[in-house]
C-alpha atoms as a PDB file:
ATOM      1  CA  MET A   1     102.530  77.113 109.135  1.00  0.00           C
ATOM      2  CA  GLN A   2     100.761  73.836 108.638  1.00  0.00           C
ATOM      3  CA  LEU A   3     102.046  71.977 105.596  1.00  0.00           C
ATOM      4  CA  MET A   4      99.854  69.745 103.507  1.00  0.00           C
ATOM      5  CA  SER A   5     100.448  66.086 102.769  1.00  0.00           C
ATOM      6  CA  ASN A   6     101.996  65.138  99.413  1.00  0.00           C
ATOM      7  CA  GLU A   7      98.636  64.040  98.043  1.00  0.00           C
ATOM      8  CA  GLU A   8      97.000  67.373  98.902  1.00  0.00           C
ATOM      9  CA  GLN A   9      99.977  69.381  97.609  1.00  0.00           C
ATOM     10  CA  ASP A  10      99.507  68.034  94.090  1.00  0.00           C
ATOM     11  CA  LYS A  11      95.928  69.315  93.984  1.00  0.00           C
ATOM     12  CA  VAL A  12      96.418  73.048  94.625  1.00  0.00           C
ATOM     13  CA  ARG A  13      95.058  75.213  91.817  1.00  0.00           C
ATOM     14  CA  LEU A  14      97.247  78.027  90.512  1.00  0.00           C
ATOM     15  CA  ASP A  15      94.641  80.713  91.204  1.00  0.00           C
ATOM     16  CA  LYS A  16      94.272  79.451  94.765  1.00  0.00           C
ATOM     17  CA  TRP A  17      98.066  79.403  95.286  1.00  0.00           C
ATOM     18  CA  LEU A  18      98.430  82.972  93.958  1.00  0.00           C
ATOM     19  CA  TRP A  19      95.684  84.065  96.349  1.00  0.00           C
ATOM     20  CA  ALA A  20      97.297  82.217  99.277  1.00  0.00           C
ATOM     21  CA  ALA A  21     100.699  83.746  98.431  1.00  0.00           C
ATOM     22  CA  ARG A  22      99.017  87.175  98.561  1.00  0.00           C
ATOM     23  CA  PHE A  23      99.739  88.281  95.007  1.00  0.00           C
ATOM     24  CA  TYR A  24      96.012  89.005  94.568  1.00  0.00           C
ATOM     25  CA  LYS A  25      93.340  89.982  97.097  1.00  0.00           C
ATOM     26  CA  THR A  26      90.756  87.500  95.821  1.00  0.00           C
ATOM     27  CA  ARG A  27      90.735  84.276  93.849  1.00  0.00           C
ATOM     28  CA  ALA A  28      88.547  85.987  91.272  1.00  0.00           C
ATOM     29  CA  LEU A  29      91.259  88.594  90.655  1.00  0.00           C
ATOM     30  CA  ALA A  30      93.873  85.847  90.412  1.00  0.00           C
ATOM     31  CA  LYS A  31      91.696  84.018  87.905  1.00  0.00           C
ATOM     32  CA  GLU A  32      91.227  87.184  85.822  1.00  0.00           C
ATOM     33  CA  ALA A  33      94.978  87.813  85.773  1.00  0.00           C
ATOM     34  CA  ILE A  34      95.701  84.248  84.639  1.00  0.00           C
ATOM     35  CA  GLU A  35      93.024  84.345  81.939  1.00  0.00           C
ATOM     36  CA  GLY A  36      94.251  87.787  80.845  1.00  0.00           C
ATOM     37  CA  GLY A  37      97.731  86.413  80.166  1.00  0.00           C
ATOM     38  CA  LYS A  38      99.412  88.226  83.049  1.00  0.00           C
ATOM     39  CA  VAL A  39     100.632  84.985  84.637  1.00  0.00           C
ATOM     40  CA  HIS A  40     102.972  82.591  82.860  1.00  0.00           C
ATOM     41  CA  CYS A  41     104.056  79.257  84.300  1.00  0.00           C
ATOM     42  CA  ARG A  42     107.228  77.682  82.916  1.00  0.00           C
ATOM     43  CA  GLY A  43     107.250  80.279  80.135  1.00  0.00           C
ATOM     44  CA  GLU A  44     103.728  79.525  78.879  1.00  0.00           C
ATOM     45  CA  ARG A  45     100.265  80.952  79.410  1.00  0.00           C
ATOM     46  CA  CYS A  46      98.235  78.743  81.687  1.00  0.00           C
ATOM     47  CA  LYS A  47      94.773  78.158  83.069  1.00  0.00           C
ATOM     48  CA  PRO A  48      93.531  78.922  86.612  1.00  0.00           C
ATOM     49  CA  SER A  49      93.086  75.183  87.263  1.00  0.00           C
ATOM     50  CA  LYS A  50      96.743  74.411  86.540  1.00  0.00           C
ATOM     51  CA  GLU A  51      98.417  72.550  89.381  1.00  0.00           C
ATOM     52  CA  PRO A  52     101.760  74.194  90.154  1.00  0.00           C
ATOM     53  CA  LYS A  53     104.683  72.167  91.493  1.00  0.00           C
ATOM     54  CA  VAL A  54     107.481  73.151  93.862  1.00  0.00           C
ATOM     55  CA  GLY A  55     110.298  74.616  91.784  1.00  0.00           C
ATOM     56  CA  ASP A  56     108.040  75.999  89.030  1.00  0.00           C
ATOM     57  CA  GLU A  57     108.924  79.471  87.774  1.00  0.00           C
ATOM     58  CA  LEU A  58     106.082  81.976  87.453  1.00  0.00           C
ATOM     59  CA  VAL A  59     106.213  85.322  85.663  1.00  0.00           C
ATOM     60  CA  LEU A  60     103.636  87.781  87.042  1.00  0.00           C
ATOM     61  CA  ARG A  61     102.879  91.129  85.400  1.00  0.00           C
ATOM     62  CA  ALA A  62     101.120  93.871  87.327  1.00  0.00           C
ATOM     63  CA  GLY A  63     101.141  97.436  86.025  1.00  0.00           C
ATOM     64  CA  TYR A  64     104.678  98.401  85.063  1.00  0.00           C
ATOM     65  CA  ASP A  65     106.261  95.614  87.108  1.00  0.00           C
ATOM     66  CA  GLU A  66     107.061  92.078  86.094  1.00  0.00           C
ATOM     67  CA  ARG A  67     108.076  89.585  88.788  1.00  0.00           C
ATOM     68  CA  THR A  68     109.725  86.221  88.317  1.00  0.00           C
ATOM     69  CA  VAL A  69     109.150  83.952  91.307  1.00  0.00           C
ATOM     70  CA  VAL A  70     110.028  80.349  92.054  1.00  0.00           C
ATOM     71  CA  ILE A  71     107.527  78.301  94.048  1.00  0.00           C
ATOM     72  CA  GLU A  72     109.090  77.081  97.300  1.00  0.00           C
ATOM     73  CA  GLN A  73     106.017  75.593  99.024  1.00  0.00           C
ATOM     74  CA  LEU A  74     102.408  74.924  98.150  1.00  0.00           C
ATOM     75  CA  SER A  75      99.473  76.082 100.223  1.00  0.00           C
ATOM     76  CA  ALA A  76      95.759  76.460  99.625  1.00  0.00           C
ATOM     77  CA  VAL A  77      95.242  78.440 102.828  1.00  0.00           C
ATOM     78  CA  ARG A  78      95.695  82.221 102.967  1.00  0.00           C
ATOM     79  CA  ARG A  79      97.707  83.251 106.000  1.00  0.00           C
ATOM     80  CA  GLY A  80      99.533  86.359 107.128  1.00  0.00           C
ATOM     81  CA  ALA A  81     102.076  88.103 104.922  1.00  0.00           C
ATOM     82  CA  PRO A  82     105.159  86.677 106.721  1.00  0.00           C
ATOM     83  CA  GLN A  83     103.963  83.101 106.121  1.00  0.00           C
ATOM     84  CA  ALA A  84     102.897  83.900 102.550  1.00  0.00           C
ATOM     85  CA  GLN A  85     106.404  85.128 101.701  1.00  0.00           C
ATOM     86  CA  LEU A  86     107.748  81.677 102.592  1.00  0.00           C
ATOM     87  CA  LEU A  87     105.737  80.144  99.730  1.00  0.00           C
ATOM     88  CA  TYR A  88     107.922  81.694  97.003  1.00  0.00           C
ATOM     89  CA  ARG A  89     111.313  83.215  96.251  1.00  0.00           C
ATOM     90  CA  GLU A  90     111.768  86.087  93.812  1.00  0.00           C
ATOM     91  CA  THR A  91     114.758  85.724  91.499  1.00  0.00           C
ATOM     92  CA  GLN A  92     117.652  88.154  91.814  1.00  0.00           C
ATOM     93  CA  GLU A  93     117.294  89.270  88.171  1.00  0.00           C
ATOM     94  CA  SER A  94     113.645  90.096  88.788  1.00  0.00           C
ATOM     95  CA  LEU A  95     114.468  92.183  91.867  1.00  0.00           C
ATOM     96  CA  GLU A  96     117.160  94.133  90.000  1.00  0.00           C
ATOM     97  CA  ALA A  97     114.896  94.750  86.999  1.00  0.00           C
ATOM     98  CA  ARG A  98     112.040  96.009  89.217  1.00  0.00           C
ATOM     99  CA  GLU A  99     114.379  98.353  91.116  1.00  0.00           C
ATOM    100  CA  LYS A 100     115.803  99.721  87.860  1.00  0.00           C
ATOM    101  CA  SER A 101     112.307 100.206  86.440  1.00  0.00           C
ATOM    102  CA  ALA A 102     111.186 102.028  89.595  1.00  0.00           C
ATOM    103  CA  GLU A 103     114.190 104.374  89.394  1.00  0.00           C
ATOM    104  CA  LEU A 104     113.414 105.181  85.741  1.00  0.00           C
ATOM    105  CA  ARG A 105     109.790 105.914  86.586  1.00  0.00           C
ATOM    106  CA  LYS A 106     110.825 108.215  89.428  1.00  0.00           C
ATOM    107  CA  ALA A 107     113.249 110.022  87.128  1.00  0.00           C
ATOM    108  CA  GLY A 108     110.447 110.575  84.626  1.00  0.00           C
ATOM    109  CA  ALA A 109     112.119 108.602  81.832  1.00  0.00           C
ATOM    110  CA  LEU A 110     108.972 106.549  81.201  1.00  0.00           C
ATOM    111  CA  GLY A 111     105.945 108.578  80.214  1.00  0.00           C
ATOM    112  CA  ILE A 112     105.123 112.245  80.082  1.00  0.00           C
ATOM    113  CA  GLN A 113     105.860 114.463  83.013  1.00  0.00           C
ATOM    114  CA  THR A 114     103.536 117.425  83.398  1.00  0.00           C
ATOM    115  CA  ASP A 115     103.146 120.327  85.759  1.00  0.00           C
ATOM    116  CA  GLY A 116      99.649 119.211  86.646  1.00  0.00           C
ATOM    117  CA  ARG A 117      96.271 119.993  85.162  1.00  0.00           C
ATOM    118  CA  PRO A 118      96.157 122.258  82.102  1.00  0.00           C
ATOM    119  CA  ASN A 119      95.044 125.822  82.701  1.00  0.00           C
ATOM    120  CA  LYS A 120      92.237 127.511  80.762  1.00  0.00           C
ATOM    121  CA  LYS A 121      94.466 128.671  77.902  1.00  0.00           C
ATOM    122  CA  GLN A 122      96.033 125.211  77.516  1.00  0.00           C
ATOM    123  CA  ARG A 123      92.582 123.558  77.508  1.00  0.00           C
ATOM    124  CA  ARG A 124      91.473 125.860  74.677  1.00  0.00           C
ATOM    125  CA  GLN A 125      94.595 124.906  72.715  1.00  0.00           C
ATOM    126  CA  ILE A 126      93.884 121.210  73.298  1.00  0.00           C
ATOM    127  CA  HIS A 127      90.282 121.597  72.108  1.00  0.00           C
ATOM    128  CA  ARG A 128      91.409 123.493  68.983  1.00  0.00           C
ATOM    129  CA  PHE A 129      93.981 120.815  68.243  1.00  0.00           C
ATOM    130  CA  LYS A 130      91.424 118.017  68.604  1.00  0.00           C
ATOM    131  CA  GLU A 131      88.953 119.799  66.308  1.00  0.00           C
ATOM    132  CA  GLN A 132      91.494 120.036  63.486  1.00  0.00           C
END
């Protein structure tokens, strides 16, 4: 992987880095996530134009999962997944929390577990309940 000079490294936008690190498929999606408050840098909400530094801690929320990653390298170029994984390191606490959350979801502890779509009788009961 080709590294950038120190001068160029300071000028990488956060949305571009998130795209290059393959957290989001497009820069537009990365920008939306940042503006929507799903990305926090150093514990604060930030803007897409923020210039991350090596060693910064990012908290990324996506669906049920929340990741805490530390920036290892900066890059403005999107490469393959193996090279993209070298750009950051996920904290051990974050990994453990995601695994625990996934186990709870599989066990059905979060949310309602159903047998599938309601049958005709159950639909009638739902409609009656909503009308009341």
